[in-house]
Structures are given as structure tokens and as C-alpha cells.
PDB file of N, CA and C in Angstrom:
ATOM      1  N   MET A   1     -41.413 -89.903 -93.783  1.00  0.00           N
ATOM      2  CA  MET A   1     -41.651 -90.312 -95.633  1.00  0.00           C
ATOM      3  C   MET A   1     -43.523 -89.399 -96.146  1.00  0.00           C
ATOM      4  N   ASN A   2     -44.578 -89.353 -94.929  1.00  0.00           N
ATOM      5  CA  ASN A   2     -45.072 -87.984 -95.590  1.00  0.00           C
ATOM      6  C   ASN A   2     -45.344 -85.918 -95.296  1.00  0.00           C
ATOM      7  N   THR A   3     -44.330 -85.864 -93.840  1.00  0.00           N
ATOM      8  CA  THR A   3     -43.725 -84.899 -93.719  1.00  0.00           C
ATOM      9  C   THR A   3     -43.171 -83.779 -94.856  1.00  0.00           C
ATOM     10  N   ILE A   4     -42.091 -85.377 -95.398  1.00  0.00           N
ATOM     11  CA  ILE A   4     -41.031 -84.567 -95.901  1.00  0.00           C
ATOM     12  C   ILE A   4     -41.785 -85.115 -97.734  1.00  0.00           C
ATOM     13  N   LEU A   5     -43.477 -84.806 -97.836  1.00  0.00           N
ATOM     14  CA  LEU A   5     -43.965 -85.100 -99.333  1.00  0.00           C
ATOM     15  C   LEU A   5     -44.667 -83.928 -99.187  1.00  0.00           C
ATOM     16  N   GLN A   6     -44.999 -83.309 -97.751  1.00  0.00           N
ATOM     17  CA  GLN A   6     -46.157 -82.386 -97.819  1.00  0.00           C
ATOM     18  C   GLN A   6     -45.202 -81.052 -97.920  1.00  0.00           C
ATOM     19  N   ASN A   7     -43.471 -81.366 -97.712  1.00  0.00           N
ATOM     20  CA  ASN A   7     -43.093 -80.426 -97.421  1.00  0.00           C
ATOM     21  C   ASN A   7     -42.087 -79.281 -99.419  1.00  0.00           C
ATOM     22  N   LYS A   8     -42.199 -81.122 -99.661  1.00  0.00           N
ATOM     23  CA  LYS A   8     -41.715 -81.285-100.770  1.00  0.00           C
ATOM     24  C   LYS A   8     -43.266 -79.739-102.123  1.00  0.00           C
ATOM     25  N   TRP A   9     -44.786 -80.081-101.438  1.00  0.00           N
ATOM     26  CA  TRP A   9     -45.335 -79.989-102.124  1.00  0.00           C
ATOM     27  C   TRP A   9     -46.354 -78.663-101.297  1.00  0.00           C
ATOM     28  N   LEU A  10     -45.349 -78.269-100.272  1.00  0.00           N
ATOM     29  CA  LEU A  10     -45.465 -77.565 -99.855  1.00  0.00           C
ATOM     30  C   LEU A  10     -44.623 -75.312-101.266  1.00  0.00           C
ATOM     31  N   MET A  11     -43.708 -76.697-101.237  1.00  0.00           N
ATOM     32  CA  MET A  11     -42.403 -75.130-101.597  1.00  0.00           C
ATOM     33  C   MET A  11     -42.937 -75.249-103.271  1.00  0.00           C
ATOM     34  N   LEU A  12     -43.435 -76.065-104.096  1.00  0.00           N
ATOM     35  CA  LEU A  12     -43.419 -76.190-105.136  1.00  0.00           C
ATOM     36  C   LEU A  12     -44.833 -75.184-105.432  1.00  0.00           C
ATOM     37  N   ALA A  13     -45.602 -75.338-104.130  1.00  0.00           N
ATOM     38  CA  ALA A  13     -47.038 -74.986-104.541  1.00  0.00           C
ATOM     39  C   ALA A  13     -46.203 -72.449-103.641  1.00  0.00           C
ATOM     40  N   SER A  14     -45.643 -72.697-103.128  1.00  0.00           N
ATOM     41  CA  SER A  14     -44.905 -71.260-102.882  1.00  0.00           C
ATOM     42  C   SER A  14     -43.808 -70.589-103.822  1.00  0.00           C
ATOM     43  N   ILE A  15     -43.281 -71.625-104.757  1.00  0.00           N
ATOM     44  CA  ILE A  15     -42.537 -71.295-105.853  1.00  0.00           C
ATOM     45  C   ILE A  15     -43.410 -71.045-107.275  1.00  0.00           C
ATOM     46  N   GLU A  16     -44.987 -71.612-107.430  1.00  0.00           N
ATOM     47  CA  GLU A  16     -45.739 -71.865-108.585  1.00  0.00           C
ATOM     48  C   GLU A  16     -45.990 -69.606-107.809  1.00  0.00           C
ATOM     49  N   PHE A  17     -47.113 -69.666-106.241  1.00  0.00           N
ATOM     50  CA  PHE A  17     -47.375 -68.408-106.076  1.00  0.00           C
ATOM     51  C   PHE A  17     -46.830 -67.816-106.697  1.00  0.00           C
ATOM     52  N   LEU A  18     -45.506 -67.666-105.752  1.00  0.00           N
ATOM     53  CA  LEU A  18     -44.251 -66.481-106.532  1.00  0.00           C
ATOM     54  C   LEU A  18     -44.266 -66.007-108.267  1.00  0.00           C
ATOM     55  N   ILE A  19     -44.123 -67.587-109.196  1.00  0.00           N
ATOM     56  CA  ILE A  19     -43.849 -66.400-109.971  1.00  0.00           C
ATOM     57  C   ILE A  19     -45.515 -66.610-110.537  1.00  0.00           C
ATOM     58  N   ILE A  20     -46.911 -66.495-110.322  1.00  0.00           N
ATOM     59  CA  ILE A  20     -47.814 -65.306-110.773  1.00  0.00           C
ATOM     60  C   ILE A  20     -47.625 -64.353-110.915  1.00  0.00           C
ATOM     61  N   MET A  21     -47.020 -63.928-108.864  1.00  0.00           N
ATOM     62  CA  MET A  21     -47.299 -62.567-108.935  1.00  0.00           C
ATOM     63  C   MET A  21     -45.761 -61.891-109.412  1.00  0.00           C
ATOM     64  N   LEU A  22     -44.769 -62.491-110.221  1.00  0.00           N
ATOM     65  CA  LEU A  22     -44.543 -62.332-110.627  1.00  0.00           C
ATOM     66  C   LEU A  22     -44.329 -60.799-111.648  1.00  0.00           C
ATOM     67  N   LEU A  23     -45.942 -61.770-112.347  1.00  0.00           N
ATOM     68  CA  LEU A  23     -45.535 -62.150-113.887  1.00  0.00           C
ATOM     69  C   LEU A  23     -47.618 -61.646-114.142  1.00  0.00           C
ATOM     70  N   ILE A  24     -47.967 -61.796-112.542  1.00  0.00           N
ATOM     71  CA  ILE A  24     -49.403 -59.826-112.153  1.00  0.00           C
ATOM     72  C   ILE A  24     -48.322 -58.303-112.162  1.00  0.00           C
ATOM     73  N   ILE A  25     -47.049 -58.164-111.733  1.00  0.00           N
ATOM     74  CA  ILE A  25     -46.678 -57.837-111.059  1.00  0.00           C
ATOM     75  C   ILE A  25     -45.844 -56.350-112.855  1.00  0.00           C
ATOM     76  N   LYS A  26     -45.827 -58.444-113.855  1.00  0.00           N
ATOM     77  CA  LYS A  26     -44.643 -57.414-114.893  1.00  0.00           C
ATOM     78  C   LYS A  26     -46.118 -57.084-117.063  1.00  0.00           C
ATOM     79  N   ILE A  27     -47.332 -57.641-116.532  1.00  0.00           N
ATOM     80  CA  ILE A  27     -48.194 -57.242-116.410  1.00  0.00           C
ATOM     81  C   ILE A  27     -48.493 -55.922-116.530  1.00  0.00           C
ATOM     82  N   LYS A  28     -49.251 -55.605-115.016  1.00  0.00           N
ATOM     83  CA  LYS A  28     -49.275 -53.691-114.627  1.00  0.00           C
ATOM     84  C   LYS A  28     -48.459 -53.056-115.110  1.00  0.00           C
ATOM     85  N   LYS A  29     -46.534 -53.717-115.572  1.00  0.00           N
ATOM     86  CA  LYS A  29     -45.648 -52.540-115.549  1.00  0.00           C
ATOM     87  C   LYS A  29     -45.730 -52.631-117.143  1.00  0.00           C
ATOM     88  N   LYS A  30     -46.442 -53.283-117.796  1.00  0.00           N
ATOM     89  CA  LYS A  30     -46.354 -53.323-118.689  1.00  0.00           C
ATOM     90  C   LYS A  30     -47.051 -51.781-118.933  1.00  0.00           C
ATOM     91  N   LYS A  31     -48.754 -52.417-118.980  1.00  0.00           N
ATOM     92  CA  LYS A  31     -49.509 -51.664-118.734  1.00  0.00           C
ATOM     93  C   LYS A  31     -49.227 -49.754-118.722  1.00  0.00           C
ATOM     94  N   GLY A  32     -48.469 -49.450-117.877  1.00  0.00           N
ATOM     95  CA  GLY A  32     -48.216 -48.316-116.881  1.00  0.00           C
ATOM     96  C   GLY A  32     -47.491 -47.444-118.506  1.00  0.00           C
ATOM     97  N   THR A  33     -46.000 -48.508-118.542  1.00  0.00           N
ATOM     98  CA  THR A  33     -45.624 -48.152-119.745  1.00  0.00           C
ATOM     99  C   THR A  33     -46.621 -48.287-121.206  1.00  0.00           C
ATOM    100  N   GLU A  34     -47.691 -48.779-121.681  1.00  0.00           N
ATOM    101  CA  GLU A  34     -48.987 -48.428-122.206  1.00  0.00           C
ATOM    102  C   GLU A  34     -48.387 -46.566-122.882  1.00  0.00           C
ATOM    103  N   ASN A  35     -49.375 -46.671-121.236  1.00  0.00           N
ATOM    104  CA  ASN A  35     -49.300 -45.240-120.913  1.00  0.00           C
ATOM    105  C   ASN A  35     -49.093 -44.002-120.764  1.00  0.00           C
ATOM    106  N   LEU A  36     -47.817 -44.827-120.780  1.00  0.00           N
ATOM    107  CA  LEU A  36     -47.089 -43.208-120.837  1.00  0.00           C
ATOM    108  C   LEU A  36     -46.895 -43.113-121.893  1.00  0.00           C
ATOM    109  N   GLU A  37     -46.490 -44.198-123.078  1.00  0.00           N
ATOM    110  CA  GLU A  37     -45.774 -44.540-124.683  1.00  0.00           C
ATOM    111  C   GLU A  37     -47.294 -43.470-125.385  1.00  0.00           C
ATOM    112  N   LYS A  38     -47.799 -43.824-124.320  1.00  0.00           N
ATOM    113  CA  LYS A  38     -49.289 -42.562-125.598  1.00  0.00           C
ATOM    114  C   LYS A  38     -49.090 -41.094-125.457  1.00  0.00           C
ATOM    115  N   GLU A  39     -49.460 -41.471-123.853  1.00  0.00           N
ATOM    116  CA  GLU A  39     -48.587 -39.824-123.645  1.00  0.00           C
ATOM    117  C   GLU A  39     -47.577 -38.896-124.152  1.00  0.00           C
ATOM    118  N   ILE A  40     -46.664 -39.315-124.626  1.00  0.00           N
ATOM    119  CA  ILE A  40     -45.952 -39.371-125.680  1.00  0.00           C
ATOM    120  C   ILE A  40     -45.764 -38.385-127.253  1.00  0.00           C
ATOM    121  N   LEU A  41     -46.597 -39.665-127.218  1.00  0.00           N
ATOM    122  CA  LEU A  41     -46.991 -39.360-128.518  1.00  0.00           C
ATOM    123  C   LEU A  41     -48.503 -37.992-129.149  1.00  0.00           C
ATOM    124  N   LYS A  42     -48.887 -39.031-127.483  1.00  0.00           N
ATOM    125  CA  LYS A  42     -49.819 -36.663-128.034  1.00  0.00           C
ATOM    126  C   LYS A  42     -49.195 -35.715-127.422  1.00  0.00           C
ATOM    127  N   SER A  43     -48.360 -36.030-126.804  1.00  0.00           N
ATOM    128  CA  SER A  43     -47.359 -34.642-127.139  1.00  0.00           C
ATOM    129  C   SER A  43     -46.188 -33.898-127.840  1.00  0.00           C
ATOM    130  N   LYS A  44     -45.715 -35.344-128.716  1.00  0.00           N
ATOM    131  CA  LYS A  44     -45.678 -35.417-130.177  1.00  0.00           C
ATOM    132  C   LYS A  44     -46.146 -34.487-131.209  1.00  0.00           C
ATOM    133  N   ALA A  45     -47.616 -35.066-130.255  1.00  0.00           N
ATOM    134  CA  ALA A  45     -48.362 -34.582-131.978  1.00  0.00           C
ATOM    135  C   ALA A  45     -49.136 -33.430-131.702  1.00  0.00           C
ATOM    136  N   ALA A  46     -48.799 -32.455-130.674  1.00  0.00           N
ATOM    137  CA  ALA A  46     -49.571 -31.185-130.033  1.00  0.00           C
ATOM    138  C   ALA A  46     -48.409 -30.490-131.028  1.00  0.00           C
ATOM    139  N   SER A  47     -48.374 -29.168-132.125  1.00  0.00           N
ATOM    140  CA  SER A  47     -48.443 -28.650-132.970  1.00  0.00           C
ATOM    141  C   SER A  47     -48.067 -27.655-132.139  1.00  0.00           C
ATOM    142  N   ILE A  48     -45.999 -27.124-131.569  1.00  0.00           N
ATOM    143  CA  ILE A  48     -45.312 -26.061-130.625  1.00  0.00           C
ATOM    144  C   ILE A  48     -45.185 -25.315-131.613  1.00  0.00           C
ATOM    145  N   ASN A  49     -45.426 -24.108-132.330  1.00  0.00           N
ATOM    146  CA  ASN A  49     -44.667 -23.184-132.718  1.00  0.00           C
ATOM    147  C   ASN A  49     -43.922 -22.089-132.031  1.00  0.00           C
ATOM    148  N   MET A  50     -42.541 -23.362-132.380  1.00  0.00           N
ATOM    149  CA  MET A  50     -40.692 -22.145-132.315  1.00  0.00           C
ATOM    150  C   MET A  50     -40.682 -20.959-131.956  1.00  0.00           C
ATOM    151  N   SER A  51     -41.173 -20.546-133.262  1.00  0.00           N
ATOM    152  CA  SER A  51     -41.575 -19.801-133.533  1.00  0.00           C
ATOM    153  C   SER A  51     -41.795 -18.331-132.784  1.00  0.00           C
ATOM    154  N   ASP A  52     -43.701 -18.921-132.405  1.00  0.00           N
ATOM    155  CA  ASP A  52     -43.302 -18.200-130.519  1.00  0.00           C
ATOM    156  C   ASP A  52     -42.789 -18.384-129.488  1.00  0.00           C
ATOM    157  N   VAL A  53     -42.391 -19.537-129.913  1.00  0.00           N
ATOM    158  CA  VAL A  53     -41.899 -19.853-128.238  1.00  0.00           C
ATOM    159  C   VAL A  53     -40.313 -18.168-127.992  1.00  0.00           C
ATOM    160  N   MET A  54     -40.146 -17.955-129.220  1.00  0.00           N
ATOM    161  CA  MET A  54     -38.336 -17.839-129.326  1.00  0.00           C
ATOM    162  C   MET A  54     -39.125 -15.965-129.427  1.00  0.00           C
ATOM    163  N   ASN A  55     -40.012 -15.986-129.712  1.00  0.00           N
ATOM    164  CA  ASN A  55     -40.393 -14.400-129.324  1.00  0.00           C
ATOM    165  C   ASN A  55     -40.439 -14.181-128.773  1.00  0.00           C
ATOM    166  N   ASP A  56     -41.310 -15.494-127.441  1.00  0.00           N
ATOM    167  CA  ASP A  56     -41.693 -15.602-126.400  1.00  0.00           C
ATOM    168  C   ASP A  56     -39.994 -14.713-125.182  1.00  0.00           C
ATOM    169  N   ILE A  57     -39.612 -15.084-125.674  1.00  0.00           N
ATOM    170  CA  ILE A  57     -37.579 -15.241-124.592  1.00  0.00           C
ATOM    171  C   ILE A  57     -37.930 -14.501-125.676  1.00  0.00           C
ATOM    172  N   ASN A  58     -37.192 -14.497-126.491  1.00  0.00           N
ATOM    173  CA  ASN A  58     -36.422 -13.131-127.113  1.00  0.00           C
ATOM    174  C   ASN A  58     -37.123 -11.959-126.728  1.00  0.00           C
ATOM    175  N   LEU A  59     -38.131 -10.958-127.329  1.00  0.00           N
ATOM    176  CA  LEU A  59     -39.142 -10.442-127.345  1.00  0.00           C
ATOM    177  C   LEU A  59     -38.951  -9.358-127.134  1.00  0.00           C
ATOM    178  N   ALA A  60     -40.509 -10.286-126.168  1.00  0.00           N
ATOM    179  CA  ALA A  60     -41.682 -10.544-124.884  1.00  0.00           C
ATOM    180  C   ALA A  60     -40.655  -9.506-124.165  1.00  0.00           C
ATOM    181  N   PRO A  61     -39.625  -9.344-123.396  1.00  0.00           N
ATOM    182  CA  PRO A  61     -38.634  -8.486-121.973  1.00  0.00           C
ATOM    183  C   PRO A  61     -38.548  -7.510-122.621  1.00  0.00           C
ATOM    184  N   SER A  62     -38.019  -7.020-123.579  1.00  0.00           N
ATOM    185  CA  SER A  62     -38.244  -5.212-123.841  1.00  0.00           C
ATOM    186  C   SER A  62     -39.231  -4.902-124.595  1.00  0.00           C
ATOM    187  N   LEU A  63     -41.049  -5.920-124.550  1.00  0.00           N
ATOM    188  CA  LEU A  63     -41.490  -5.497-125.503  1.00  0.00           C
ATOM    189  C   LEU A  63     -42.453  -4.563-123.953  1.00  0.00           C
ATOM    190  N   TYR A  64     -42.136  -5.700-123.304  1.00  0.00           N
ATOM    191  CA  TYR A  64     -42.750  -6.103-121.376  1.00  0.00           C
ATOM    192  C   TYR A  64     -42.191  -4.590-121.052  1.00  0.00           C
ATOM    193  N   ARG A  65     -41.323  -4.237-120.874  1.00  0.00           N
ATOM    194  CA  ARG A  65     -40.564  -2.429-120.361  1.00  0.00           C
ATOM    195  C   ARG A  65     -41.266  -1.319-120.951  1.00  0.00           C
ATOM    196  N   LYS A  66     -40.933  -1.791-122.707  1.00  0.00           N
ATOM    197  CA  LYS A  66     -41.292  -0.668-123.155  1.00  0.00           C
ATOM    198  C   LYS A  66     -43.402  -0.018-123.092  1.00  0.00           C
ATOM    199  N   LEU A  67     -44.328  -0.878-123.010  1.00  0.00           N
ATOM    200  CA  LEU A  67     -45.710  -1.183-122.395  1.00  0.00           C
ATOM    201  C   LEU A  67     -45.281  -0.295-120.688  1.00  0.00           C
ATOM    202  N   SER A  68     -45.004  -1.081-120.475  1.00  0.00           N
ATOM    203  CA  SER A  68     -44.766  -0.206-118.778  1.00  0.00           C
ATOM    204  C   SER A  68     -44.420   0.457-117.946  1.00  0.00           C
ATOM    205  N   ARG A  69     -43.261   1.055-119.195  1.00  0.00           N
ATOM    206  CA  ARG A  69     -43.137   3.040-119.004  1.00  0.00           C
ATOM    207  C   ARG A  69     -44.144   2.901-120.472  1.00  0.00           C
ATOM    208  N   ALA A  70     -45.138   3.058-121.024  1.00  0.00           N
ATOM    209  CA  ALA A  70     -46.030   3.999-121.429  1.00  0.00           C
ATOM    210  C   ALA A  70     -47.576   4.315-121.077  1.00  0.00           C
ATOM    211  N   CYS A  71     -47.207   2.923-120.461  1.00  0.00           N
ATOM    212  CA  CYS A  71     -48.654   2.604-120.191  1.00  0.00           C
ATOM    213  C   CYS A  71     -49.007   2.690-118.218  1.00  0.00           C
ATOM    214  N   HIS A  72     -47.617   3.557-117.172  1.00  0.00           N
ATOM    215  CA  HIS A  72     -48.198   3.466-116.015  1.00  0.00           C
ATOM    216  C   HIS A  72     -48.800   4.913-115.399  1.00  0.00           C
ATOM    217  N   PRO A  73     -49.865   3.450-114.500  1.00  0.00           N
ATOM    218  CA  PRO A  73     -50.326   4.990-114.387  1.00  0.00           C
ATOM    219  C   PRO A  73     -50.208   5.656-113.575  1.00  0.00           C
ATOM    220  N   ASP A  74     -48.552   5.715-113.286  1.00  0.00           N
ATOM    221  CA  ASP A  74     -48.271   7.229-112.235  1.00  0.00           C
ATOM    222  C   ASP A  74     -47.665   8.649-113.158  1.00  0.00           C
ATOM    223  N   ARG A  75     -47.512   8.067-114.534  1.00  0.00           N
ATOM    224  CA  ARG A  75     -48.195   8.603-115.761  1.00  0.00           C
ATOM    225  C   ARG A  75     -48.822   9.173-115.771  1.00  0.00           C
ATOM    226  N   PHE A  76     -50.083   9.347-116.237  1.00  0.00           N
ATOM    227  CA  PHE A  76     -51.495   9.264-115.918  1.00  0.00           C
ATOM    228  C   PHE A  76     -52.140  10.165-114.958  1.00  0.00           C
ATOM    229  N   ALA A  77     -51.458  10.265-113.967  1.00  0.00           N
ATOM    230  CA  ALA A  77     -52.608  10.750-112.561  1.00  0.00           C
ATOM    231  C   ALA A  77     -53.132  12.081-113.010  1.00  0.00           C
ATOM    232  N   GLY A  78     -54.057  12.492-112.867  1.00  0.00           N
ATOM    233  CA  GLY A  78     -54.789  13.604-113.234  1.00  0.00           C
ATOM    234  C   GLY A  78     -55.899  13.180-113.998  1.00  0.00           C
ATOM    235  N   THR A  79     -55.090  12.276-115.444  1.00  0.00           N
ATOM    236  CA  THR A  79     -56.140  13.332-116.388  1.00  0.00           C
ATOM    237  C   THR A  79     -57.514  12.028-117.205  1.00  0.00           C
ATOM    238  N   ASP A  80     -57.426  12.072-118.024  1.00  0.00           N
ATOM    239  CA  ASP A  80     -58.969  11.766-118.769  1.00  0.00           C
ATOM    240  C   ASP A  80     -58.434  10.074-118.356  1.00  0.00           C
ATOM    241  N   PHE A  81     -57.412   9.672-118.485  1.00  0.00           N
ATOM    242  CA  PHE A  81     -57.319   8.590-119.234  1.00  0.00           C
ATOM    243  C   PHE A  81     -56.650   6.852-118.232  1.00  0.00           C
ATOM    244  N   GLY A  82     -56.821   8.064-117.161  1.00  0.00           N
ATOM    245  CA  GLY A  82     -56.109   7.627-115.651  1.00  0.00           C
ATOM    246  C   GLY A  82     -56.087   5.827-115.641  1.00  0.00           C
ATOM    247  N   THR A  83     -57.776   5.639-115.586  1.00  0.00           N
ATOM    248  CA  THR A  83     -58.140   4.633-115.237  1.00  0.00           C
ATOM    249  C   THR A  83     -58.242   3.736-116.710  1.00  0.00           C
ATOM    250  N   THR A  84     -58.208   4.536-117.671  1.00  0.00           N
ATOM    251  CA  THR A  84     -57.585   3.139-118.907  1.00  0.00           C
ATOM    252  C   THR A  84     -56.417   2.885-118.886  1.00  0.00           C
ATOM    253  N   ALA A  85     -55.269   3.170-117.902  1.00  0.00           N
ATOM    254  CA  ALA A  85     -53.811   3.570-118.627  1.00  0.00           C
ATOM    255  C   ALA A  85     -54.167   2.324-116.535  1.00  0.00           C
ATOM    256  N   ASN A  86     -54.555   2.594-115.848  1.00  0.00           N
ATOM    257  CA  ASN A  86     -53.716   1.780-115.133  1.00  0.00           C
ATOM    258  C   ASN A  86     -54.653   0.263-115.114  1.00  0.00           C
ATOM    259  N   GLU A  87     -56.038  -0.225-116.435  1.00  0.00           N
ATOM    260  CA  GLU A  87     -56.447  -1.076-117.314  1.00  0.00           C
ATOM    261  C   GLU A  87     -54.834  -1.980-117.674  1.00  0.00           C
ATOM    262  N   PHE A  88     -54.812  -1.139-119.025  1.00  0.00           N
ATOM    263  CA  PHE A  88     -53.832  -0.922-119.171  1.00  0.00           C
ATOM    264  C   PHE A  88     -52.385  -1.811-119.118  1.00  0.00           C
ATOM    265  N   PHE A  89     -52.352  -1.647-118.000  1.00  0.00           N
ATOM    266  CA  PHE A  89     -51.371  -1.841-117.383  1.00  0.00           C
ATOM    267  C   PHE A  89     -51.131  -2.900-116.424  1.00  0.00           C
ATOM    268  N   GLN A  90     -52.270  -2.982-115.836  1.00  0.00           N
ATOM    269  CA  GLN A  90     -52.849  -4.217-114.929  1.00  0.00           C
ATOM    270  C   GLN A  90     -52.890  -5.493-116.382  1.00  0.00           C
ATOM    271  N   GLU A  91     -52.720  -5.399-117.356  1.00  0.00           N
ATOM    272  CA  GLU A  91     -52.905  -6.209-118.896  1.00  0.00           C
ATOM    273  C   GLU A  91     -51.469  -6.576-119.601  1.00  0.00           C
ATOM    274  N   VAL A  92     -51.468  -5.318-118.641  1.00  0.00           N
ATOM    275  CA  VAL A  92     -49.143  -5.724-119.740  1.00  0.00           C
ATOM    276  C   VAL A  92     -48.915  -6.490-118.662  1.00  0.00           C
ATOM    277  N   GLN A  93     -49.035  -6.132-117.175  1.00  0.00           N
ATOM    278  CA  GLN A  93     -47.801  -7.263-116.121  1.00  0.00           C
ATOM    279  C   GLN A  93     -48.945  -8.738-115.922  1.00  0.00           C
ATOM    280  N   GLN A  94     -49.843  -8.892-116.392  1.00  0.00           N
ATOM    281  CA  GLN A  94     -50.460 -10.886-116.615  1.00  0.00           C
ATOM    282  C   GLN A  94     -49.914 -10.839-117.771  1.00  0.00           C
ATOM    283  N   ALA A  95     -49.409 -10.230-119.036  1.00  0.00           N
ATOM    284  CA  ALA A  95     -48.835 -11.413-119.947  1.00  0.00           C
ATOM    285  C   ALA A  95     -47.926 -10.764-120.456  1.00  0.00           C
ATOM    286  N   GLU A  96     -46.578 -10.321-119.048  1.00  0.00           N
ATOM    287  CA  GLU A  96     -45.394 -10.397-119.114  1.00  0.00           C
ATOM    288  C   GLU A  96     -45.210 -11.084-119.925  1.00  0.00           C
ATOM    289  N   ASN A  97     -44.912 -12.051-119.840  1.00  0.00           N
ATOM    290  CA  ASN A  97     -44.041 -13.263-121.048  1.00  0.00           C
ATOM    291  C   ASN A  97     -44.795 -14.198-122.683  1.00  0.00           C
ATOM    292  N   ASN A  98     -45.604 -12.807-123.349  1.00  0.00           N
ATOM    293  CA  ASN A  98     -46.383 -12.982-123.273  1.00  0.00           C
ATOM    294  C   ASN A  98     -46.724 -12.414-124.906  1.00  0.00           C
ATOM    295  N   TYR A  99     -45.777 -12.417-125.332  1.00  0.00           N
ATOM    296  CA  TYR A  99     -45.235 -11.656-127.355  1.00  0.00           C
ATOM    297  C   TYR A  99     -46.359 -10.761-127.858  1.00  0.00           C
ATOM    298  N   ALA A 100     -47.009 -12.479-128.261  1.00  0.00           N
ATOM    299  CA  ALA A 100     -48.082 -12.737-128.759  1.00  0.00           C
ATOM    300  C   ALA A 100     -48.777 -11.222-128.912  1.00  0.00           C
ATOM    301  N   LYS A 101     -49.669 -11.583-126.647  1.00  0.00           N
ATOM    302  CA  LYS A 101     -50.676 -10.628-126.630  1.00  0.00           C
ATOM    303  C   LYS A 101     -49.587  -8.838-126.264  1.00  0.00           C
ATOM    304  N   LEU A 102     -48.713  -9.380-125.799  1.00  0.00           N
ATOM    305  CA  LEU A 102     -48.171  -8.210-125.895  1.00  0.00           C
ATOM    306  C   LEU A 102     -48.091  -7.057-127.602  1.00  0.00           C
ATOM    307  N   CYS A 103     -47.737  -7.584-127.884  1.00  0.00           N
ATOM    308  CA  CYS A 103     -48.040  -6.477-129.363  1.00  0.00           C
ATOM    309  C   CYS A 103     -49.793  -6.397-130.013  1.00  0.00           C
ATOM    310  N   ASP A 104     -50.886  -7.464-129.186  1.00  0.00           N
ATOM    311  CA  ASP A 104     -52.221  -6.585-129.162  1.00  0.00           C
ATOM    312  C   ASP A 104     -52.056  -5.438-128.384  1.00  0.00           C
ATOM    313  N   LEU A 105     -51.540  -5.839-126.314  1.00  0.00           N
ATOM    314  CA  LEU A 105     -51.834  -4.099-126.481  1.00  0.00           C
ATOM    315  C   LEU A 105     -51.070  -3.640-126.672  1.00  0.00           C
ATOM    316  N   LYS A 106     -50.087  -3.042-127.004  1.00  0.00           N
ATOM    317  CA  LYS A 106     -49.661  -1.952-127.484  1.00  0.00           C
ATOM    318  C   LYS A 106     -49.867  -1.424-128.878  1.00  0.00           C
ATOM    319  N   ASN A 107     -51.295  -2.208-129.567  1.00  0.00           N
ATOM    320  CA  ASN A 107     -51.778  -1.674-130.746  1.00  0.00           C
ATOM    321  C   ASN A 107     -52.016  -0.784-129.746  1.00  0.00           C
ATOM    322  N   GLN A 108     -53.440  -1.293-129.418  1.00  0.00           N
ATOM    323  CA  GLN A 108     -54.633  -1.408-128.181  1.00  0.00           C
ATOM    324  C   GLN A 108     -53.879   0.267-127.345  1.00  0.00           C
ATOM    325  N   ILE A 109     -52.673   0.333-127.040  1.00  0.00           N
ATOM    326  CA  ILE A 109     -52.496   0.997-125.560  1.00  0.00           C
ATOM    327  C   ILE A 109     -52.457   2.283-126.410  1.00  0.00           C
ATOM    328  N   GLU A 110     -51.666   1.863-127.961  1.00  0.00           N
ATOM    329  CA  GLU A 110     -51.646   3.698-129.138  1.00  0.00           C
ATOM    330  C   GLU A 110     -52.796   4.318-129.540  1.00  0.00           C
ATOM    331  N   GLN A 111     -53.517   3.234-129.566  1.00  0.00           N
ATOM    332  CA  GLN A 111     -54.965   3.577-130.276  1.00  0.00           C
ATOM    333  C   GLN A 111     -55.443   4.263-128.872  1.00  0.00           C
ATOM    334  N   LYS A 112     -55.758   4.230-127.331  1.00  0.00           N
ATOM    335  CA  LYS A 112     -56.429   4.462-127.020  1.00  0.00           C
ATOM    336  C   LYS A 112     -56.198   6.237-126.041  1.00  0.00           C
ATOM    337  N   LEU A 113     -54.651   5.540-125.775  1.00  0.00           N
ATOM    338  CA  LEU A 113     -53.863   6.106-125.040  1.00  0.00           C
ATOM    339  C   LEU A 113     -53.196   7.744-126.217  1.00  0.00           C
ATOM    340  N   ASN A 114     -53.310   7.516-127.429  1.00  0.00           N
ATOM    341  CA  ASN A 114     -52.723   8.244-127.847  1.00  0.00           C
ATOM    342  C   ASN A 114     -51.099   8.508-127.793  1.00  0.00           C
ATOM    343  N   LEU A 115     -50.973   7.504-127.657  1.00  0.00           N
ATOM    344  CA  LEU A 115     -49.067   6.998-127.423  1.00  0.00           C
ATOM    345  C   LEU A 115     -48.591   6.565-128.578  1.00  0.00           C
ATOM    346  N   THR A 116     -47.306   6.960-128.955  1.00  0.00           N
ATOM    347  CA  THR A 116     -47.119   6.238-129.693  1.00  0.00           C
ATOM    348  C   THR A 116     -45.759   5.591-129.449  1.00  0.00           C
ATOM    349  N   ILE A 117     -45.253   4.115-129.110  1.00  0.00           N
ATOM    350  CA  ILE A 117     -43.989   3.293-128.621  1.00  0.00           C
ATOM    351  C   ILE A 117     -43.613   2.842-129.533  1.00  0.00           C
ATOM    352  N   SER A 118     -42.811   2.919-130.001  1.00  0.00           N
ATOM    353  CA  SER A 118     -41.300   2.124-130.682  1.00  0.00           C
ATOM    354  C   SER A 118     -40.825   1.042-130.247  1.00  0.00           C
TER     355      SER A 118
END
């Protein structure tokens, strides 16, 4: 009879242990979810200008091609503008998908290399 009681208490203690462990796991998951919700709210709060994104997607490739042709270092080989053109060409390469940066570079290229880029 004594061993039967010990087995029941052991079984009851095991069940209580499992319940406690499940509750701890549930609390940890909830904390992880709260952090995820905070990150989602932060990303929603970040201001993204869709006009800039659309310009980067639609207008940047054609402007990039025009600028890379206009200030290609081979075009200015042996002239006074050779190093300047090379610097601009590298900057254009780095700003390939950034329309705003390419527009700034276009203005600088037109001024410093005496070009008209349509």
C-alpha cells in the first residue's frame, strides 16, 4: 500500500512539473512575440517615400546608362578631364540604383566635364 501511495505522489509531482514547464515556455514565447510586435510597429513607423522607391526602380537604370557612357574614362583618355571622369565614373558605378544620387552626379558631371546630358 505504501508503494502505491508513493507512485501516486510521484505521478502527481511529475504532472505538476510538466505544467510548470509548459507555463514557463508559454511565457517565454509571449515575450518573444511582444518583441516581434515592437519591431513591426517600428518598421511601420519608419517613413518610406514610395516616390523615391519608384524612381529608383524605374528611372535610375536609364540615367545610370547615360551617365556611365557620358563620363566613361576611355572617352576622356589623354585629356585634362581624365582623372575627374574616372572619379565620376566610379561614383556612378556605386550609385547605380539610387536615382537621387545619380541626379546629383549628373549636375556635377555637366558642370565639371562641360557636358550636356539629356
